[in-house]
Amino acid sequence: MTTNETNPTREEKGKTIAEKQDQVRRIDSTHYQVKSQYTGNIRWYDVIAIGSGWNCTCADHKYRQVCCKHIHAVEFSVKLREEIRKKNTVTISPLNTSECIYCKSENITKDGLRHNKYGDIQKFNCKNCKRYFTINLGFEKMKHNPKGITTAMQLYFSGESLRNVAKSLRLLGMNITHQTVYNWIQKYTGLMEKYLENITPNISDTWRADEIFIKVRGNPKWLYAMMDEDTRFWIAKQVADTKYTEDIRPMFQEAKKFTQTKPSVLITDGAHNFQTAYKRELFTIALPRTQHVRHIHMDRDMNNNKMERLNGEIRDREKVMRGLKKMDSPMIGGYQLFHNYIRNHQGLDNQTPADKAGIKIEGENKWMTLIQNASKQ
């Protein structure tokens, strides 16, 4: 028997802890709890990120100032989480014009042009499945070209008003109105939402929820949002009439259905309706049980900065729109798509939340990639 087998190092002990079930409990990306390994001791030690390292409340780390087995357990747990996420990546690629978009056969031939007001579109014929297709998939019968339409959507969700988008596109020779831009957003937001609801993001087990004040036709409303802690993926939403008394269980139900799971930790403020929805939708008598953290404060791990950043994005967008015109406005769903799949976040190393959640959208024009793949379904 070797020395390491009789007297394992702290790192080896940490790895053993991480490989066991229910020994490392994740509160959020900066706060973990590791169960004491002494028989009969039900204590949990807090392991909290400080700068580039970790701090543990156990005596080994506190008094000896060493990297204890609990910190090593957290490090291994984080590493395992990233490895699992990479293995479960879904890639959405632009359409390949060298193969049939329906059966993937490369036995295709060019079959004339489709004449469009703004240019000609190449038609293809598949010799295997006998179907015709064009690279204009998703934009059939549209008077304007796909690049112009997706440019309009990018401009709008990046912060321009509908009228400013229309003015900008007129410089490119596209004579459109702000209503046309709205119609594009309404059409393609619905198409992409229906497609993406069947692709499950690989998110963490810590979720945050909050609400933000908005106006719908000048009337005060509240937009509730659920976001993943690690990836900043905006999971679910609900527009409500009131702040504290609204039944927000539909948002919790939407989140569970979309992610096909439930969190280990839910972080919210102290609003009563969050607690009610948690008890009815997430709480269980049996273990493991979702922990509800309700007391948000500004220091250390329990601040709500990530959720406030999302609220800031929504607030900036709403100011340009000067309020919403209806409760189920496609602008909210469209911005949720933009936040999750299109917009790069500095806090995520210039990746999108979808990238971090294992959904990789390829191509220079991600709007077009999504729309064309959604149109194939």
Protein backbone atom coordinates (compact mmCIF):
# COMPACT_ATOMS: atom_id res chain seq x y z
CA MET A 1 0.00 0.00 0.00
CA THR A 2 1.41 3.39 -1.05
CA THR A 3 1.82 6.42 1.15
CA ASN A 4 -0.90 8.32 -0.76
CA GLU A 5 -3.39 5.50 -0.17
CA THR A 6 -2.78 5.54 3.59
CA ASN A 7 -2.49 9.31 3.89
CA PRO A 8 -4.19 11.04 0.92
CA THR A 9 -3.40 14.68 0.25
CA ARG A 10 -5.94 17.50 0.68
CA GLU A 11 -6.32 17.64 -3.10
CA GLU A 12 -7.12 13.93 -3.29
CA LYS A 13 -9.60 14.26 -0.43
CA GLY A 14 -11.24 17.17 -2.24
CA LYS A 15 -11.59 15.15 -5.43
CA THR A 16 -13.20 12.30 -3.49
CA ILE A 17 -15.69 14.73 -1.93
CA ALA A 18 -16.56 16.26 -5.33
CA GLU A 19 -17.24 12.83 -6.85
CA LYS A 20 -19.78 11.97 -4.14
CA GLN A 21 -23.41 12.99 -4.38
CA ASP A 22 -24.88 15.78 -2.23
CA GLN A 23 -21.53 16.78 -0.70
CA VAL A 24 -20.97 20.06 -2.56
CA ARG A 25 -23.88 22.49 -2.59
CA ARG A 26 -23.76 25.42 -4.99
CA ILE A 27 -25.37 28.69 -3.86
CA ASP A 28 -24.13 30.73 -6.82
CA SER A 29 -20.94 31.13 -8.87
CA THR A 30 -19.09 32.73 -5.92
CA HIS A 31 -20.56 30.79 -3.00
CA TYR A 32 -20.48 27.03 -2.35
CA GLN A 33 -21.13 24.91 0.71
CA VAL A 34 -19.25 21.66 1.41
CA LYS A 35 -20.46 19.14 3.93
CA SER A 36 -18.19 18.14 6.82
CA GLN A 37 -16.67 14.71 6.28
CA TYR A 38 -16.58 13.77 9.97
CA THR A 39 -19.09 11.08 10.91
CA GLY A 40 -22.09 12.47 12.74
CA ASN A 41 -21.20 16.09 11.93
CA ILE A 42 -23.96 17.70 9.85
CA ARG A 43 -22.14 21.01 9.50
CA TRP A 44 -21.65 22.69 6.12
CA TYR A 45 -18.60 24.89 5.46
CA ASP A 46 -18.94 28.02 3.32
CA VAL A 47 -16.45 28.31 0.46
CA ILE A 48 -16.57 31.82 -1.00
CA ALA A 49 -14.66 33.36 -3.91
CA ILE A 50 -12.30 36.19 -2.96
CA GLY A 51 -10.49 37.76 -5.90
CA SER A 52 -8.70 34.97 -7.75
CA GLY A 53 -8.93 32.46 -4.91
CA TRP A 54 -11.30 30.91 -2.38
CA ASN A 55 -11.93 31.33 1.33
CA CYS A 56 -13.29 28.51 3.53
CA THR A 57 -14.78 28.73 7.01
CA CYS A 58 -13.18 25.45 8.17
CA ALA A 59 -10.45 25.49 10.83
CA ASP A 60 -7.86 23.99 8.47
CA HIS A 61 -8.06 26.99 6.14
CA LYS A 62 -8.80 29.61 8.80
CA TYR A 63 -5.90 28.83 11.14
CA ARG A 64 -3.34 27.05 8.94
CA GLN A 65 -3.95 29.27 5.89
CA VAL A 66 -3.79 26.29 3.52
CA CYS A 67 -5.92 25.28 0.56
CA CYS A 68 -8.19 22.83 2.40
CA LYS A 69 -10.00 19.79 1.04
CA HIS A 70 -13.26 21.76 0.89
CA ILE A 71 -11.73 24.32 -1.49
CA HIS A 72 -10.26 21.52 -3.60
CA ALA A 73 -13.72 19.89 -3.67
CA VAL A 74 -15.23 23.11 -5.02
CA GLU A 75 -12.51 23.45 -7.66
CA PHE A 76 -13.09 19.89 -8.86
CA SER A 77 -16.85 20.48 -8.82
CA VAL A 78 -16.48 23.58 -11.02
CA LYS A 79 -14.21 21.68 -13.41
CA LEU A 80 -16.66 18.77 -13.68
CA ARG A 81 -19.50 21.20 -14.37
CA GLU A 82 -17.59 22.79 -17.28
CA GLU A 83 -16.66 19.41 -18.76
CA ILE A 84 -20.28 18.28 -18.73
CA ARG A 85 -21.40 21.53 -20.32
CA LYS A 86 -18.88 21.20 -23.17
CA LYS A 87 -19.98 17.63 -23.91
CA ASN A 88 -23.61 18.68 -24.27
CA THR A 89 -23.08 21.47 -26.82
CA VAL A 90 -25.72 21.90 -29.55
CA THR A 91 -24.50 23.57 -32.75
CA ILE A 92 -26.83 25.50 -35.05
CA SER A 93 -25.06 26.05 -38.38
CA PRO A 94 -25.85 28.26 -41.38
CA LEU A 95 -27.47 26.48 -44.30
CA ASN A 96 -24.98 24.74 -46.57
CA THR A 97 -25.80 25.42 -50.24
CA SER A 98 -23.70 22.45 -51.32
CA GLU A 99 -26.27 20.03 -49.89
CA CYS A 100 -30.05 19.66 -49.83
CA ILE A 101 -31.60 21.49 -46.88
CA TYR A 102 -34.13 18.67 -46.47
CA CYS A 103 -32.30 15.34 -46.90
CA LYS A 104 -28.65 16.58 -46.71
CA SER A 105 -27.84 14.95 -50.04
CA GLU A 106 -25.06 16.53 -52.12
CA ASN A 107 -26.73 15.33 -55.32
CA ILE A 108 -28.16 18.74 -56.17
CA THR A 109 -28.21 20.90 -59.29
CA LYS A 110 -28.92 24.55 -60.01
CA ASP A 111 -32.38 24.98 -61.49
CA GLY A 112 -32.84 28.53 -62.69
CA LEU A 113 -33.37 31.82 -60.90
CA ARG A 114 -36.24 33.25 -58.94
CA HIS A 115 -36.61 36.89 -59.95
CA ASN A 116 -37.09 39.23 -57.03
CA LYS A 117 -37.66 42.98 -56.99
CA TYR A 118 -34.35 43.43 -55.17
CA GLY A 119 -32.33 40.78 -56.99
CA ASP A 120 -32.28 37.22 -58.35
CA ILE A 121 -32.28 34.18 -56.05
CA GLN A 122 -30.69 30.89 -57.13
CA LYS A 123 -32.99 27.84 -57.12
CA PHE A 124 -31.73 24.30 -56.50
CA ASN A 125 -33.20 20.87 -57.22
CA CYS A 126 -32.35 17.77 -55.15
CA LYS A 127 -32.11 14.63 -57.27
CA ASN A 128 -32.65 12.39 -54.24
CA CYS A 129 -35.76 13.78 -52.53
CA LYS A 130 -36.99 15.63 -55.68
CA ARG A 131 -37.58 18.87 -53.77
CA TYR A 132 -36.75 22.41 -54.77
CA PHE A 133 -35.17 24.89 -52.40
CA THR A 134 -33.40 28.23 -52.29
CA ILE A 135 -30.97 29.84 -49.88
CA ASN A 136 -33.82 32.29 -49.28
CA LEU A 137 -35.42 29.82 -46.89
CA GLY A 138 -37.40 31.70 -44.26
CA PHE A 139 -37.65 34.82 -46.40
CA GLU A 140 -39.90 33.54 -49.18
CA LYS A 141 -42.31 36.08 -50.67
CA MET A 142 -40.51 38.89 -48.86
CA LYS A 143 -39.96 41.97 -51.01
CA HIS A 144 -36.69 42.78 -49.26
CA ASN A 145 -33.52 40.73 -49.02
CA PRO A 146 -32.65 38.67 -45.92
CA LYS A 147 -29.61 40.80 -45.02
CA GLY A 148 -31.74 43.93 -44.94
CA ILE A 149 -34.38 42.31 -42.75
CA THR A 150 -31.89 40.89 -40.27
CA THR A 151 -29.99 44.19 -40.22
CA ALA A 152 -33.23 45.89 -39.21
CA MET A 153 -33.68 43.48 -36.32
CA GLN A 154 -30.09 43.92 -35.19
CA LEU A 155 -30.38 47.72 -35.27
CA TYR A 156 -33.66 47.71 -33.36
CA PHE A 157 -32.60 45.40 -30.55
CA SER A 158 -29.24 47.16 -30.30
CA GLY A 159 -31.08 50.31 -29.27
CA GLU A 160 -32.55 52.14 -32.29
CA SER A 161 -36.22 53.08 -32.53
CA LEU A 162 -38.44 51.62 -35.26
CA ARG A 163 -38.42 54.92 -37.13
CA ASN A 164 -34.64 55.30 -36.91
CA VAL A 165 -34.22 51.76 -38.24
CA ALA A 166 -36.45 52.58 -41.21
CA LYS A 167 -34.47 55.78 -41.89
CA SER A 168 -31.16 53.90 -41.75
CA LEU A 169 -32.32 51.24 -44.20
CA ARG A 170 -33.50 53.87 -46.66
CA LEU A 171 -29.83 54.79 -47.07
CA LEU A 172 -29.35 51.22 -48.35
CA GLY A 173 -32.13 51.65 -50.92
CA MET A 174 -34.82 49.90 -48.85
CA ASN A 175 -37.92 52.10 -48.93
CA ILE A 176 -39.75 50.83 -45.83
CA THR A 177 -41.82 52.22 -42.98
CA HIS A 178 -41.47 51.71 -39.23
CA GLN A 179 -44.58 49.49 -39.39
CA THR A 180 -42.78 47.17 -41.80
CA VAL A 181 -39.91 46.81 -39.32
CA TYR A 182 -42.41 45.99 -36.56
CA ASN A 183 -44.07 43.37 -38.80
CA TRP A 184 -40.69 41.71 -39.42
CA ILE A 185 -39.96 41.58 -35.70
CA GLN A 186 -43.38 40.12 -34.96
CA LYS A 187 -43.09 37.45 -37.67
CA TYR A 188 -39.56 36.27 -37.02
CA THR A 189 -39.65 36.49 -33.23
CA GLY A 190 -42.56 34.05 -33.19
CA LEU A 191 -40.80 31.75 -35.66
CA MET A 192 -37.54 31.65 -33.69
CA GLU A 193 -39.27 31.26 -30.31
CA LYS A 194 -41.15 28.19 -31.55
CA TYR A 195 -37.90 26.66 -32.85
CA LEU A 196 -35.73 27.44 -29.83
CA GLU A 197 -38.23 26.24 -27.22
CA ASN A 198 -37.28 22.69 -28.23
CA ILE A 199 -33.55 23.22 -27.58
CA THR A 200 -32.76 22.89 -23.87
CA PRO A 201 -29.94 25.10 -22.56
CA ASN A 202 -27.36 23.50 -20.27
CA ILE A 203 -27.65 25.92 -17.38
CA SER A 204 -26.57 25.85 -13.74
CA ASP A 205 -28.62 24.88 -10.70
CA THR A 206 -28.85 28.44 -9.34
CA TRP A 207 -31.51 30.78 -10.69
CA ARG A 208 -32.32 34.40 -9.93
CA ALA A 209 -35.65 36.18 -10.30
CA ASP A 210 -36.61 39.83 -10.09
CA GLU A 211 -39.15 42.33 -11.41
CA ILE A 212 -38.91 45.66 -13.23
CA PHE A 213 -41.44 48.44 -13.71
CA ILE A 214 -42.60 49.02 -17.31
CA LYS A 215 -45.48 50.78 -19.05
CA VAL A 216 -48.01 49.20 -21.41
CA ARG A 217 -50.11 51.81 -23.25
CA GLY A 218 -49.16 54.24 -20.52
CA ASN A 219 -50.38 51.96 -17.72
CA PRO A 220 -47.95 50.71 -15.04
CA LYS A 221 -47.06 47.02 -15.30
CA TRP A 222 -44.32 44.74 -13.96
CA LEU A 223 -42.05 42.51 -16.01
CA TYR A 224 -40.88 39.48 -14.03
CA ALA A 225 -37.79 37.66 -15.28
CA MET A 226 -35.99 34.43 -14.34
CA MET A 227 -32.27 34.20 -15.14
CA ASP A 228 -29.58 31.54 -14.72
CA GLU A 229 -26.73 32.51 -12.39
CA ASP A 230 -23.77 31.11 -14.35
CA THR A 231 -24.69 31.67 -17.98
CA ARG A 232 -26.97 34.73 -17.53
CA PHE A 233 -29.47 32.91 -19.74
CA TRP A 234 -32.89 34.60 -19.52
CA ILE A 235 -35.05 31.55 -18.84
CA ALA A 236 -38.61 32.82 -18.47
CA LYS A 237 -40.71 35.98 -18.22
CA GLN A 238 -44.16 37.23 -17.25
CA VAL A 239 -45.87 40.62 -17.55
CA ALA A 240 -48.01 41.35 -14.50
CA ASP A 241 -50.45 44.03 -13.32
CA THR A 242 -49.09 44.26 -9.76
CA LYS A 243 -45.76 43.88 -8.00
CA TYR A 244 -46.42 42.05 -4.74
CA THR A 245 -49.76 40.27 -5.22
CA GLU A 246 -49.54 38.92 -8.77
CA ASP A 247 -49.59 35.13 -9.16
CA ILE A 248 -46.22 34.47 -10.84
CA ARG A 249 -46.48 30.69 -10.87
CA PRO A 250 -46.83 30.73 -14.69
CA MET A 251 -43.26 32.05 -14.97
CA PHE A 252 -41.99 29.28 -12.67
CA GLN A 253 -43.91 26.70 -14.71
CA GLU A 254 -42.49 28.08 -17.95
CA ALA A 255 -38.96 27.91 -16.51
CA LYS A 256 -39.34 24.28 -15.43
CA LYS A 257 -40.86 23.25 -18.76
CA PHE A 258 -38.18 24.97 -20.83
CA THR A 259 -35.17 23.76 -18.82
CA GLN A 260 -36.68 20.35 -17.95
CA THR A 261 -35.30 20.72 -14.44
CA LYS A 262 -35.51 22.85 -11.32
CA PRO A 263 -32.80 24.75 -9.46
CA SER A 264 -31.01 23.78 -6.30
CA VAL A 265 -31.03 27.43 -5.24
CA LEU A 266 -33.48 30.23 -6.09
CA ILE A 267 -32.39 33.80 -5.26
CA THR A 268 -35.03 36.55 -5.10
CA ASP A 269 -35.92 39.59 -3.04
CA GLY A 270 -38.35 39.32 -0.16
CA ALA A 271 -41.56 39.82 -2.16
CA HIS A 272 -44.32 37.53 -0.89
CA ASN A 273 -45.37 36.29 -4.34
CA PHE A 274 -41.89 34.87 -4.97
CA GLN A 275 -42.18 32.83 -1.79
CA THR A 276 -45.68 31.64 -2.73
CA ALA A 277 -44.61 30.57 -6.23
CA TYR A 278 -41.52 28.85 -4.80
CA LYS A 279 -43.58 26.82 -2.31
CA ARG A 280 -46.09 25.70 -4.91
CA GLU A 281 -43.78 25.06 -7.85
CA LEU A 282 -40.31 24.21 -6.48
CA PHE A 283 -40.50 23.14 -2.86
CA THR A 284 -40.63 19.40 -2.09
CA ILE A 285 -40.61 17.42 1.12
CA ALA A 286 -38.22 14.89 -0.37
CA LEU A 287 -34.53 15.63 -0.82
CA PRO A 288 -32.80 17.17 -2.72
CA ARG A 289 -34.80 20.29 -2.02
CA THR A 290 -34.60 23.70 -3.70
CA GLN A 291 -33.27 26.33 -1.30
CA HIS A 292 -34.91 29.76 -1.48
CA VAL A 293 -32.60 32.68 -0.62
CA ARG A 294 -34.82 35.72 -0.04
CA HIS A 295 -32.59 38.26 1.67
CA ILE A 296 -30.68 40.21 -0.95
CA HIS A 297 -28.06 42.66 0.28
CA MET A 298 -25.20 44.45 -1.40
CA ASP A 299 -22.15 42.72 0.01
CA ARG A 300 -20.39 39.48 -0.93
CA ASP A 301 -22.40 36.68 -2.53
CA MET A 302 -25.97 37.76 -1.97
CA ASN A 303 -26.01 40.91 -4.10
CA ASN A 304 -28.32 40.93 -7.10
CA ASN A 305 -25.98 42.71 -9.52
CA LYS A 306 -26.42 40.23 -12.37
CA MET A 307 -30.18 40.54 -12.24
CA GLU A 308 -29.96 44.32 -12.01
CA ARG A 309 -27.81 44.31 -15.14
CA LEU A 310 -30.58 42.53 -17.04
CA ASN A 311 -33.08 45.02 -15.64
CA GLY A 312 -30.85 47.83 -16.92
CA GLU A 313 -30.84 46.32 -20.41
CA ILE A 314 -34.63 46.12 -20.41
CA ARG A 315 -34.96 49.66 -19.06
CA ASP A 316 -32.68 51.09 -21.78
CA ARG A 317 -34.66 49.28 -24.48
CA GLU A 318 -38.04 50.39 -23.08
CA LYS A 319 -36.98 54.06 -23.05
CA VAL A 320 -36.39 53.92 -26.80
CA MET A 321 -39.75 52.19 -27.36
CA ARG A 322 -41.48 54.75 -25.06
CA GLY A 323 -43.42 51.96 -23.45
CA LEU A 324 -45.12 48.87 -24.87
CA LYS A 325 -48.37 48.83 -26.80
CA LYS A 326 -49.69 45.50 -25.51
CA MET A 327 -49.04 42.91 -22.81
CA ASP A 328 -47.86 40.19 -25.20
CA SER A 329 -45.68 42.51 -27.26
CA PRO A 330 -43.21 40.66 -29.54
CA MET A 331 -40.64 43.25 -28.48
CA ILE A 332 -40.17 41.52 -25.10
CA GLY A 333 -39.78 38.07 -26.65
CA GLY A 334 -37.53 39.51 -29.33
CA TYR A 335 -35.27 41.17 -26.79
CA GLN A 336 -35.12 37.93 -24.81
CA LEU A 337 -33.86 36.19 -27.98
CA PHE A 338 -31.37 39.00 -28.60
CA HIS A 339 -30.09 38.82 -25.00
CA ASN A 340 -29.71 35.03 -25.03
CA TYR A 341 -28.53 34.19 -28.55
CA ILE A 342 -27.19 37.30 -30.30
CA ARG A 343 -25.69 39.80 -27.87
CA ASN A 344 -22.15 39.21 -26.61
CA HIS A 345 -21.69 39.98 -22.89
CA GLN A 346 -18.45 41.35 -21.49
CA GLY A 347 -19.12 39.51 -18.22
CA LEU A 348 -19.14 36.24 -20.20
CA ASP A 349 -15.82 36.92 -21.96
CA ASN A 350 -17.67 38.32 -25.00
CA GLN A 351 -19.77 35.19 -25.38
CA THR A 352 -23.55 34.99 -25.51
CA PRO A 353 -25.54 33.30 -22.73
CA ALA A 354 -26.40 30.62 -25.29
CA ASP A 355 -22.68 29.97 -25.90
CA LYS A 356 -22.18 29.46 -22.17
CA ALA A 357 -25.28 27.26 -22.01
CA GLY A 358 -24.01 24.90 -24.72
CA ILE A 359 -25.98 26.29 -27.68
CA LYS A 360 -23.53 27.47 -30.33
CA ILE A 361 -24.94 29.52 -33.21
CA GLU A 362 -22.50 29.70 -36.11
CA GLY A 363 -22.22 32.18 -38.95
CA GLU A 364 -21.54 35.89 -39.21
CA ASN A 365 -25.28 36.64 -39.26
CA LYS A 366 -26.79 34.76 -36.31
CA TRP A 367 -30.26 36.14 -37.02
CA MET A 368 -30.20 34.52 -40.47
CA THR A 369 -28.83 31.25 -39.08
CA LEU A 370 -31.67 31.05 -36.57
CA ILE A 371 -34.42 32.10 -38.99
CA GLN A 372 -33.39 29.67 -41.73
CA ASN A 373 -33.01 26.74 -39.32
CA ALA A 374 -36.38 27.59 -37.75
CA SER A 375 -37.98 27.63 -41.20
CA LYS A 376 -36.80 24.07 -41.94
CA GLN A 377 -38.85 22.61 -39.10
